[in-house]
């Protein structure tokens, strides 16, 4: 699942993980809180997140908190992996609504850009594989059509399934 990647928002690192199965980004909530609240370190951002979780729970956002996952992401300090609260883009947008910050709107635009870049990568990879497979099938089809039609002056029409001269 975890394809860890460090992404930058205004030169601030945000730990992320790409889930191939759901084709979704997950973002370290503490990193996002740190950037939006301009906390000096992860520990203070963690405290802010703990208070915010309690407030969200009191507001009835239990489902949001329940659906947040924990992934082992690499710590920027020591390089070890620690369980970290992560949220999908949709969950993160809800969390961002609860943080009064002038950086909230630019951060939302950044989230959209991160998603668009991944979609672009996925489309490129998919079409690259499709074109390669199509080319291979076409090459195999040409070779088999000559054998199927018998003489070199004939060609096989896939749409009709017949040889023509």
N, C-alpha and C. Protein backbone atom coordinates (compact mmCIF):
# COMPACT_ATOMS: atom_id res chain seq x y z
N UNK A 1 0.82 -1.20 0.00
CA UNK A 1 0.00 0.00 0.00
C UNK A 1 0.86 1.25 0.00
N UNK A 2 1.77 1.32 0.90
CA UNK A 2 2.44 2.59 1.13
C UNK A 2 3.56 2.85 0.14
N UNK A 3 3.36 3.84 -0.69
CA UNK A 3 4.42 4.38 -1.50
C UNK A 3 4.67 5.76 -0.92
N UNK A 4 5.50 5.81 0.11
CA UNK A 4 5.76 7.07 0.80
C UNK A 4 6.36 8.09 -0.16
N UNK A 5 5.92 9.30 0.01
CA UNK A 5 6.48 10.38 -0.78
C UNK A 5 6.40 11.65 0.05
N UNK A 6 7.46 12.39 0.06
CA UNK A 6 7.48 13.67 0.75
C UNK A 6 7.10 14.73 -0.27
N UNK A 7 6.02 15.45 -0.01
CA UNK A 7 5.56 16.50 -0.92
C UNK A 7 5.75 17.83 -0.21
N UNK A 8 5.97 18.87 -0.97
CA UNK A 8 6.21 20.18 -0.39
C UNK A 8 5.04 21.13 -0.65
N UNK A 9 4.61 21.78 0.42
CA UNK A 9 3.65 22.87 0.32
C UNK A 9 4.34 24.09 0.88
N UNK A 10 4.58 25.09 0.04
CA UNK A 10 5.30 26.30 0.45
C UNK A 10 6.59 25.94 1.19
N UNK A 11 7.36 25.04 0.63
CA UNK A 11 8.64 24.58 1.17
C UNK A 11 8.53 23.85 2.51
N UNK A 12 7.33 23.47 2.88
CA UNK A 12 7.12 22.70 4.11
C UNK A 12 6.80 21.25 3.74
N UNK A 13 7.48 20.28 4.36
CA UNK A 13 7.24 18.88 3.99
C UNK A 13 5.92 18.34 4.52
N UNK A 14 5.24 17.60 3.65
CA UNK A 14 4.01 16.88 4.02
C UNK A 14 4.26 15.43 3.64
N UNK A 15 4.20 14.54 4.63
CA UNK A 15 4.37 13.12 4.33
C UNK A 15 3.09 12.57 3.73
N UNK A 16 3.22 11.83 2.65
CA UNK A 16 2.07 11.26 1.97
C UNK A 16 2.33 9.79 1.66
N UNK A 17 1.25 9.08 1.37
CA UNK A 17 1.34 7.69 0.94
C UNK A 17 0.28 7.47 -0.12
N UNK A 18 0.64 6.76 -1.17
CA UNK A 18 -0.29 6.44 -2.25
C UNK A 18 -0.76 5.01 -2.07
N UNK A 19 -2.07 4.82 -2.10
CA UNK A 19 -2.65 3.49 -1.98
C UNK A 19 -3.04 3.03 -3.38
N UNK A 20 -2.31 2.05 -3.91
CA UNK A 20 -2.57 1.52 -5.25
C UNK A 20 -3.96 0.91 -5.36
N UNK A 21 -4.42 0.26 -4.29
CA UNK A 21 -5.71 -0.43 -4.31
C UNK A 21 -6.86 0.55 -4.49
N UNK A 22 -6.89 1.58 -3.67
CA UNK A 22 -7.99 2.55 -3.75
C UNK A 22 -7.66 3.71 -4.68
N UNK A 23 -6.41 3.75 -5.15
CA UNK A 23 -5.92 4.85 -5.99
C UNK A 23 -6.21 6.20 -5.33
N UNK A 24 -5.69 6.32 -4.11
CA UNK A 24 -5.97 7.50 -3.30
C UNK A 24 -4.73 7.91 -2.53
N UNK A 25 -4.53 9.21 -2.41
CA UNK A 25 -3.46 9.75 -1.58
C UNK A 25 -3.91 9.78 -0.13
N UNK A 26 -2.99 9.53 0.78
CA UNK A 26 -3.20 9.75 2.21
C UNK A 26 -2.13 10.72 2.68
N UNK A 27 -2.55 11.68 3.50
CA UNK A 27 -1.68 12.75 3.95
C UNK A 27 -1.53 12.69 5.47
N UNK A 28 -0.33 12.94 5.95
CA UNK A 28 -0.10 12.99 7.39
C UNK A 28 -0.87 14.18 7.96
N UNK A 29 -1.81 13.90 8.84
CA UNK A 29 -2.65 14.96 9.41
C UNK A 29 -1.80 15.92 10.25
N UNK A 30 -0.88 15.40 11.01
CA UNK A 30 -0.03 16.25 11.86
C UNK A 30 0.80 17.20 11.00
N UNK A 31 1.30 16.73 9.87
CA UNK A 31 2.08 17.61 8.99
C UNK A 31 1.21 18.73 8.45
N UNK A 32 -0.01 18.40 8.06
CA UNK A 32 -0.93 19.41 7.53
C UNK A 32 -1.29 20.42 8.63
N UNK A 33 -1.59 19.92 9.81
CA UNK A 33 -1.91 20.81 10.94
C UNK A 33 -0.73 21.73 11.24
N UNK A 34 0.48 21.17 11.22
CA UNK A 34 1.69 21.97 11.49
C UNK A 34 1.81 23.12 10.50
N UNK A 35 1.59 22.83 9.21
CA UNK A 35 1.71 23.85 8.18
C UNK A 35 0.61 24.90 8.30
N UNK A 36 -0.63 24.46 8.47
CA UNK A 36 -1.75 25.40 8.51
C UNK A 36 -1.75 26.27 9.76
N UNK A 37 -1.30 25.73 10.88
CA UNK A 37 -1.31 26.50 12.14
C UNK A 37 0.04 27.13 12.43
N UNK A 38 0.98 26.90 11.52
CA UNK A 38 2.34 27.44 11.66
C UNK A 38 2.98 27.06 12.99
N UNK A 39 2.79 25.80 13.36
CA UNK A 39 3.41 25.28 14.59
C UNK A 39 4.92 25.11 14.34
N UNK A 40 5.73 25.38 15.35
CA UNK A 40 7.18 25.29 15.16
C UNK A 40 7.70 23.85 15.04
N UNK A 41 6.95 22.89 15.57
CA UNK A 41 7.42 21.50 15.48
C UNK A 41 6.25 20.53 15.46
N UNK A 42 6.57 19.28 15.18
CA UNK A 42 5.55 18.24 15.05
C UNK A 42 4.86 17.95 16.39
N UNK A 43 5.61 18.06 17.48
CA UNK A 43 5.02 17.78 18.81
C UNK A 43 3.86 18.74 19.09
N UNK A 44 4.06 20.02 18.84
CA UNK A 44 2.99 21.00 19.09
C UNK A 44 1.84 20.79 18.12
N UNK A 45 2.16 20.45 16.89
CA UNK A 45 1.11 20.16 15.91
C UNK A 45 0.31 18.94 16.36
N UNK A 46 0.99 17.94 16.94
CA UNK A 46 0.30 16.76 17.46
C UNK A 46 -0.66 17.11 18.58
N UNK A 47 -0.26 18.03 19.44
CA UNK A 47 -1.14 18.50 20.52
C UNK A 47 -2.35 19.21 19.94
N UNK A 48 -2.13 20.06 18.94
CA UNK A 48 -3.22 20.77 18.29
C UNK A 48 -4.19 19.76 17.67
N UNK A 49 -3.65 18.74 16.99
CA UNK A 49 -4.48 17.71 16.37
C UNK A 49 -5.28 16.94 17.41
N UNK A 50 -4.69 16.65 18.57
CA UNK A 50 -5.41 15.93 19.63
C UNK A 50 -6.60 16.76 20.13
N UNK A 51 -6.40 18.05 20.32
CA UNK A 51 -7.48 18.94 20.76
C UNK A 51 -8.55 19.05 19.67
N UNK A 52 -8.11 19.16 18.42
CA UNK A 52 -9.04 19.26 17.30
C UNK A 52 -9.87 17.99 17.16
N UNK A 53 -9.23 16.82 17.35
CA UNK A 53 -9.98 15.55 17.28
C UNK A 53 -11.08 15.52 18.33
N UNK A 54 -10.76 15.98 19.52
CA UNK A 54 -11.75 16.00 20.60
C UNK A 54 -12.91 16.93 20.23
N UNK A 55 -12.57 18.09 19.69
CA UNK A 55 -13.60 19.05 19.30
C UNK A 55 -14.47 18.49 18.16
N UNK A 56 -13.85 17.86 17.18
CA UNK A 56 -14.60 17.26 16.07
C UNK A 56 -15.53 16.16 16.57
N UNK A 57 -15.04 15.39 17.53
CA UNK A 57 -15.86 14.32 18.11
C UNK A 57 -17.08 14.92 18.81
N UNK A 58 -16.88 16.00 19.53
CA UNK A 58 -17.98 16.66 20.22
C UNK A 58 -18.98 17.26 19.24
N UNK A 59 -18.49 17.65 18.06
CA UNK A 59 -19.37 18.22 17.02
C UNK A 59 -20.11 17.13 16.24
N UNK A 60 -19.80 15.87 16.53
CA UNK A 60 -20.48 14.78 15.85
C UNK A 60 -19.78 14.26 14.61
N UNK A 61 -18.52 14.58 14.47
CA UNK A 61 -17.76 14.12 13.30
C UNK A 61 -17.03 12.81 13.61
N UNK A 62 -17.68 11.94 14.38
CA UNK A 62 -17.06 10.67 14.77
C UNK A 62 -16.69 9.81 13.57
N UNK A 63 -17.54 9.80 12.55
CA UNK A 63 -17.27 8.98 11.37
C UNK A 63 -15.99 9.42 10.68
N UNK A 64 -15.77 10.72 10.59
CA UNK A 64 -14.54 11.25 10.01
C UNK A 64 -13.32 10.72 10.76
N UNK A 65 -13.40 10.80 12.09
CA UNK A 65 -12.27 10.37 12.91
C UNK A 65 -12.09 8.86 12.86
N UNK A 66 -13.18 8.13 12.81
CA UNK A 66 -13.11 6.67 12.74
C UNK A 66 -12.48 6.23 11.43
N UNK A 67 -12.78 6.94 10.34
CA UNK A 67 -12.27 6.57 9.02
C UNK A 67 -10.82 7.00 8.79
N UNK A 68 -10.29 7.86 9.63
CA UNK A 68 -8.88 8.21 9.50
C UNK A 68 -8.06 6.96 9.81
N UNK A 69 -7.06 6.73 9.00
CA UNK A 69 -6.22 5.55 9.19
C UNK A 69 -4.94 5.93 9.90
N UNK A 70 -4.21 4.90 10.31
CA UNK A 70 -2.86 5.10 10.80
C UNK A 70 -1.94 4.29 9.91
N UNK A 71 -0.93 4.95 9.38
CA UNK A 71 0.08 4.29 8.56
C UNK A 71 1.44 4.56 9.18
N UNK A 72 2.36 3.65 8.94
CA UNK A 72 3.73 3.86 9.42
C UNK A 72 4.47 4.68 8.37
N UNK A 73 4.63 5.95 8.69
CA UNK A 73 5.35 6.86 7.80
C UNK A 73 6.71 7.17 8.37
N UNK A 74 7.63 7.45 7.48
CA UNK A 74 9.01 7.74 7.88
C UNK A 74 9.10 9.09 8.57
N UNK A 75 9.76 9.11 9.72
CA UNK A 75 9.95 10.35 10.46
C UNK A 75 11.04 11.18 9.79
N UNK A 76 10.80 12.47 9.62
CA UNK A 76 11.84 13.31 9.03
C UNK A 76 13.05 13.50 9.96
N UNK A 77 12.83 13.25 11.26
CA UNK A 77 13.93 13.45 12.21
C UNK A 77 14.93 12.30 12.22
N UNK A 78 14.42 11.07 12.39
CA UNK A 78 15.35 9.94 12.54
C UNK A 78 15.23 8.88 11.45
N UNK A 79 14.30 9.07 10.51
CA UNK A 79 14.16 8.12 9.40
C UNK A 79 13.44 6.83 9.76
N UNK A 80 13.06 6.67 11.02
CA UNK A 80 12.31 5.48 11.42
C UNK A 80 10.83 5.66 11.09
N UNK A 81 10.14 4.53 11.00
CA UNK A 81 8.71 4.58 10.69
C UNK A 81 7.89 4.54 11.98
N UNK A 82 6.94 5.46 12.07
CA UNK A 82 6.05 5.53 13.22
C UNK A 82 4.61 5.58 12.73
N UNK A 83 3.70 5.02 13.54
CA UNK A 83 2.27 5.11 13.21
C UNK A 83 1.86 6.57 13.24
N UNK A 84 1.22 6.99 12.17
CA UNK A 84 0.84 8.38 11.99
C UNK A 84 -0.59 8.45 11.49
N UNK A 85 -1.38 9.35 12.07
CA UNK A 85 -2.74 9.56 11.56
C UNK A 85 -2.64 10.12 10.15
N UNK A 86 -3.36 9.49 9.23
CA UNK A 86 -3.41 9.97 7.86
C UNK A 86 -4.86 10.12 7.45
N UNK A 87 -5.09 10.98 6.47
CA UNK A 87 -6.44 11.21 5.97
C UNK A 87 -6.40 11.27 4.45
N UNK A 88 -7.49 10.82 3.85
CA UNK A 88 -7.65 10.93 2.40
C UNK A 88 -7.90 12.40 2.07
N UNK A 89 -7.90 12.73 0.81
CA UNK A 89 -8.15 14.11 0.39
C UNK A 89 -9.50 14.59 0.91
N UNK A 90 -10.53 13.77 0.76
CA UNK A 90 -11.87 14.15 1.21
C UNK A 90 -11.90 14.39 2.71
N UNK A 91 -11.29 13.49 3.48
CA UNK A 91 -11.25 13.64 4.93
C UNK A 91 -10.46 14.89 5.31
N UNK A 92 -9.37 15.11 4.61
CA UNK A 92 -8.51 16.25 4.91
C UNK A 92 -9.23 17.57 4.66
N UNK A 93 -10.03 17.62 3.61
CA UNK A 93 -10.79 18.85 3.35
C UNK A 93 -11.72 19.17 4.51
N UNK A 94 -12.32 18.15 5.10
CA UNK A 94 -13.19 18.36 6.27
C UNK A 94 -12.39 18.85 7.47
N UNK A 95 -11.22 18.27 7.67
CA UNK A 95 -10.36 18.68 8.78
C UNK A 95 -9.90 20.13 8.58
N UNK A 96 -9.53 20.48 7.36
CA UNK A 96 -9.05 21.83 7.06
C UNK A 96 -10.13 22.87 7.36
N UNK A 97 -11.41 22.51 7.12
CA UNK A 97 -12.51 23.43 7.43
C UNK A 97 -12.52 23.82 8.91
N UNK A 98 -12.02 22.95 9.75
CA UNK A 98 -12.06 23.19 11.20
C UNK A 98 -10.84 23.94 11.72
N UNK A 99 -9.92 24.28 10.83
CA UNK A 99 -8.71 24.98 11.24
C UNK A 99 -8.74 26.40 10.69
N UNK A 100 -8.88 27.39 11.57
CA UNK A 100 -8.86 28.77 11.08
C UNK A 100 -7.44 29.14 10.64
N UNK A 101 -7.26 29.27 9.34
CA UNK A 101 -5.92 29.56 8.82
C UNK A 101 -6.02 30.29 7.49
N UNK A 102 -5.20 31.32 7.32
CA UNK A 102 -5.16 31.99 6.01
C UNK A 102 -4.56 31.09 4.93
N UNK A 103 -3.91 30.02 5.34
CA UNK A 103 -3.29 29.10 4.38
C UNK A 103 -4.25 28.01 3.91
N UNK A 104 -5.47 28.00 4.44
CA UNK A 104 -6.41 26.92 4.10
C UNK A 104 -6.74 26.88 2.61
N UNK A 105 -7.06 28.01 2.01
CA UNK A 105 -7.42 28.02 0.58
C UNK A 105 -6.24 27.66 -0.31
N UNK A 106 -5.05 28.26 -0.08
CA UNK A 106 -3.90 27.83 -0.90
C UNK A 106 -3.60 26.34 -0.72
N UNK A 107 -3.82 25.82 0.48
CA UNK A 107 -3.57 24.40 0.72
C UNK A 107 -4.56 23.54 -0.06
N UNK A 108 -5.82 23.95 -0.11
CA UNK A 108 -6.82 23.20 -0.88
C UNK A 108 -6.42 23.16 -2.36
N UNK A 109 -5.95 24.29 -2.89
CA UNK A 109 -5.50 24.32 -4.29
C UNK A 109 -4.31 23.37 -4.48
N UNK A 110 -3.41 23.35 -3.51
CA UNK A 110 -2.25 22.46 -3.56
C UNK A 110 -2.72 20.99 -3.57
N UNK A 111 -3.71 20.67 -2.73
CA UNK A 111 -4.26 19.31 -2.71
C UNK A 111 -4.79 18.91 -4.08
N UNK A 112 -5.51 19.83 -4.70
CA UNK A 112 -6.06 19.55 -6.04
C UNK A 112 -4.93 19.32 -7.04
N UNK A 113 -3.87 20.09 -6.93
CA UNK A 113 -2.72 19.93 -7.83
C UNK A 113 -2.05 18.58 -7.63
N UNK A 114 -1.87 18.17 -6.39
CA UNK A 114 -1.26 16.86 -6.09
C UNK A 114 -2.11 15.75 -6.71
N UNK A 115 -3.43 15.86 -6.54
CA UNK A 115 -4.33 14.86 -7.13
C UNK A 115 -4.26 14.85 -8.64
N UNK A 116 -4.24 16.03 -9.25
CA UNK A 116 -4.19 16.13 -10.71
C UNK A 116 -2.90 15.54 -11.25
N UNK A 117 -1.79 15.78 -10.56
CA UNK A 117 -0.50 15.22 -11.01
C UNK A 117 -0.55 13.71 -10.98
N UNK A 118 -1.13 13.14 -9.96
CA UNK A 118 -1.20 11.67 -9.87
C UNK A 118 -2.13 11.11 -10.95
N UNK A 119 -3.22 11.80 -11.20
CA UNK A 119 -4.13 11.36 -12.27
C UNK A 119 -3.39 11.39 -13.60
N UNK A 120 -2.62 12.44 -13.83
CA UNK A 120 -1.83 12.53 -15.06
C UNK A 120 -0.83 11.39 -15.19
N UNK A 121 -0.15 11.08 -14.09
CA UNK A 121 0.80 9.95 -14.09
C UNK A 121 0.08 8.65 -14.40
N UNK A 122 -1.07 8.44 -13.78
CA UNK A 122 -1.83 7.21 -13.98
C UNK A 122 -2.30 7.09 -15.42
N UNK A 123 -2.80 8.18 -15.99
CA UNK A 123 -3.26 8.15 -17.38
C UNK A 123 -2.09 7.84 -18.30
N UNK A 124 -0.96 8.49 -18.07
CA UNK A 124 0.22 8.27 -18.91
C UNK A 124 0.65 6.80 -18.84
N UNK A 125 0.71 6.25 -17.62
CA UNK A 125 1.11 4.85 -17.46
C UNK A 125 0.10 3.93 -18.14
N UNK A 126 -1.18 4.20 -17.93
CA UNK A 126 -2.23 3.36 -18.51
C UNK A 126 -2.18 3.41 -20.03
N UNK A 127 -2.11 4.61 -20.61
CA UNK A 127 -2.08 4.72 -22.07
C UNK A 127 -0.79 4.15 -22.63
N UNK A 128 0.31 4.33 -21.91
CA UNK A 128 1.58 3.75 -22.37
C UNK A 128 1.47 2.24 -22.46
N UNK A 129 0.89 1.61 -21.45
CA UNK A 129 0.69 0.16 -21.47
C UNK A 129 -0.30 -0.24 -22.55
N UNK A 130 -1.36 0.56 -22.73
CA UNK A 130 -2.38 0.26 -23.72
C UNK A 130 -1.77 0.30 -25.12
N UNK A 131 -1.00 1.37 -25.40
CA UNK A 131 -0.39 1.51 -26.72
C UNK A 131 0.58 0.37 -27.00
N UNK A 132 1.36 -0.02 -25.99
CA UNK A 132 2.31 -1.12 -26.15
C UNK A 132 1.56 -2.42 -26.41
N UNK A 133 0.49 -2.66 -25.66
CA UNK A 133 -0.29 -3.89 -25.85
C UNK A 133 -0.97 -3.89 -27.21
N UNK A 134 -1.49 -2.72 -27.61
CA UNK A 134 -2.16 -2.63 -28.90
C UNK A 134 -1.19 -2.87 -30.05
N UNK A 135 0.02 -2.30 -29.93
CA UNK A 135 1.04 -2.48 -30.95
C UNK A 135 1.44 -3.96 -31.05
N UNK A 136 1.64 -4.59 -29.90
CA UNK A 136 2.00 -6.01 -29.89
C UNK A 136 0.91 -6.85 -30.51
N UNK A 137 -0.34 -6.57 -30.18
CA UNK A 137 -1.47 -7.32 -30.73
C UNK A 137 -1.54 -7.11 -32.24
N UNK A 138 -1.30 -5.88 -32.66
CA UNK A 138 -1.34 -5.58 -34.08
C UNK A 138 -0.25 -6.34 -34.82
N UNK A 139 0.96 -6.35 -34.24
CA UNK A 139 2.07 -7.09 -34.86
C UNK A 139 1.77 -8.58 -34.90
N UNK A 140 1.20 -9.11 -33.81
CA UNK A 140 0.84 -10.53 -33.79
C UNK A 140 -0.26 -10.80 -34.80
N UNK A 141 -1.22 -9.88 -34.91
CA UNK A 141 -2.34 -10.03 -35.84
C UNK A 141 -1.87 -10.06 -37.27
N UNK A 142 -0.91 -9.19 -37.62
CA UNK A 142 -0.39 -9.18 -38.99
C UNK A 142 0.30 -10.48 -39.32
N UNK A 143 1.08 -10.99 -38.40
CA UNK A 143 1.81 -12.24 -38.65
C UNK A 143 0.82 -13.39 -38.79
N UNK A 144 -0.19 -13.42 -37.91
CA UNK A 144 -1.13 -14.54 -37.98
C UNK A 144 -2.06 -14.39 -39.17
N UNK A 145 -2.33 -13.16 -39.62
CA UNK A 145 -3.24 -12.99 -40.74
C UNK A 145 -2.63 -13.53 -42.02
N UNK A 146 -1.31 -13.31 -42.19
CA UNK A 146 -0.66 -13.85 -43.38
C UNK A 146 -0.75 -15.36 -43.39
N UNK A 147 -0.50 -15.97 -42.23
CA UNK A 147 -0.56 -17.42 -42.15
C UNK A 147 -2.00 -17.88 -42.36
N UNK A 148 -2.94 -17.12 -41.81
CA UNK A 148 -4.35 -17.50 -41.89
C UNK A 148 -4.86 -17.39 -43.33
N UNK A 149 -4.47 -16.33 -44.02
CA UNK A 149 -4.99 -16.10 -45.37
C UNK A 149 -4.26 -16.95 -46.41
N UNK A 150 -3.13 -17.46 -46.10
CA UNK A 150 -2.44 -18.37 -47.01
C UNK A 150 -1.48 -17.67 -47.95
N UNK A 151 -1.95 -16.79 -48.82
CA UNK A 151 -0.99 -16.19 -49.74
C UNK A 151 -0.71 -14.75 -49.35
N UNK A 152 0.47 -14.28 -49.76
CA UNK A 152 0.94 -12.96 -49.33
C UNK A 152 0.14 -11.83 -49.95
N UNK A 153 -0.57 -12.07 -51.02
CA UNK A 153 -1.35 -11.02 -51.65
C UNK A 153 -2.66 -10.75 -50.92
N UNK A 154 -3.03 -11.60 -49.98
CA UNK A 154 -4.28 -11.44 -49.24
C UNK A 154 -4.02 -10.81 -47.89
N UNK A 155 -5.02 -10.13 -47.38
CA UNK A 155 -4.90 -9.60 -46.02
C UNK A 155 -6.17 -9.95 -45.24
N UNK A 156 -5.99 -10.08 -43.95
CA UNK A 156 -7.07 -10.48 -43.06
C UNK A 156 -7.75 -9.23 -42.52
N UNK A 157 -9.09 -9.15 -42.62
CA UNK A 157 -9.86 -8.02 -42.09
C UNK A 157 -10.48 -8.45 -40.76
N UNK A 158 -10.04 -7.82 -39.71
CA UNK A 158 -10.54 -8.17 -38.37
C UNK A 158 -12.04 -7.93 -38.24
N UNK A 159 -12.51 -6.82 -38.85
CA UNK A 159 -13.93 -6.50 -38.67
C UNK A 159 -14.86 -7.55 -39.27
N UNK A 160 -14.45 -8.15 -40.41
CA UNK A 160 -15.31 -9.14 -41.07
C UNK A 160 -14.88 -10.57 -40.77
N UNK A 161 -13.62 -10.72 -40.36
CA UNK A 161 -13.09 -12.05 -40.10
C UNK A 161 -12.78 -12.81 -41.38
N UNK A 162 -12.58 -12.07 -42.49
CA UNK A 162 -12.34 -12.71 -43.79
C UNK A 162 -11.06 -12.21 -44.44
N UNK A 163 -10.54 -13.01 -45.34
CA UNK A 163 -9.36 -12.62 -46.11
C UNK A 163 -9.84 -11.90 -47.38
N UNK A 164 -9.12 -10.85 -47.74
CA UNK A 164 -9.42 -10.17 -48.99
C UNK A 164 -8.15 -10.06 -49.81
N UNK A 165 -8.31 -10.02 -51.15
CA UNK A 165 -7.13 -9.93 -52.04
C UNK A 165 -6.87 -8.52 -52.42
